[in-house]
Amino acid sequence: MSMRITRKYKIARRLGPSIYEKTQGAKFALRQEKRSKPAYRPRTEFGLAVVEKQKVRYTYNVGERQFSKYVKESVAKKGVNTVEALFTRLETRLDNVVYRLGWAPTRLMARQIVAHGHITLNGRRVYIPSIEVSVNDKVAIRPGSVGKPVFKDLDEKMKKVSLPAWISYDADKKVASIQGMPKWSPTEHAFSLQQVIEFYSR
């Protein structure tokens, strides 16, 4: 097993298997069963908040400095629910949109796809994974990249993808449209954004 996968397994053991796509399957669960030492569980409110923060950071593959900036910007917004604002900022990252579309099996791969210039935003080639998409934006695979190995059998893969309600997709043109903004639902995610906000408000 590679060093990168081993590190992910350790992080997922501490924060929960939902952190990475590769730790949500039977292989990781079997490894957990074979371990005699129980997974770490924080006992203080501060410890719990730290864990929730790390869950979100690793889920969206965002660095501490950038994540802290997202939280501060969300808190500073007037007349907007802070949790909703933070969730929207994370979900509307271009690399996350590529992942939600099923163009990449993981957010890390989606980040690489954007960074390598395979994606266009409103017709322009972009290289910044963290760029924020807005309503009516068009996200597409660059024509010159459609035949790349990373997009092999894309049409078949797309048949298995359940798109979020705020994204529509034209399979023929391979163009996605941002129809609205994502809505936060605590029951659909394995982390608490409220605890994250409280952590940074200390």
Foldseek 3Di string as FASTA:
>chain_A
DDPVVVVVLLLCLAQNQLLWPVSPDPVSVVVQVPDPDHHDDDDDLLVQLVSLLVSVCSSLVHDPVVLLVLQVVLVPDPPDDSLFSSVQLSCQQQLNQCCLQQLAVGSVVSLVCLLVQQKAKQRHTHRGRSDGDDAFIKIAGPPVCCPPPSCPPVVVSSVPHDHPPQWDADVVRRMIGGHHTDGDDVVVDPHDVVSNSVNSVD
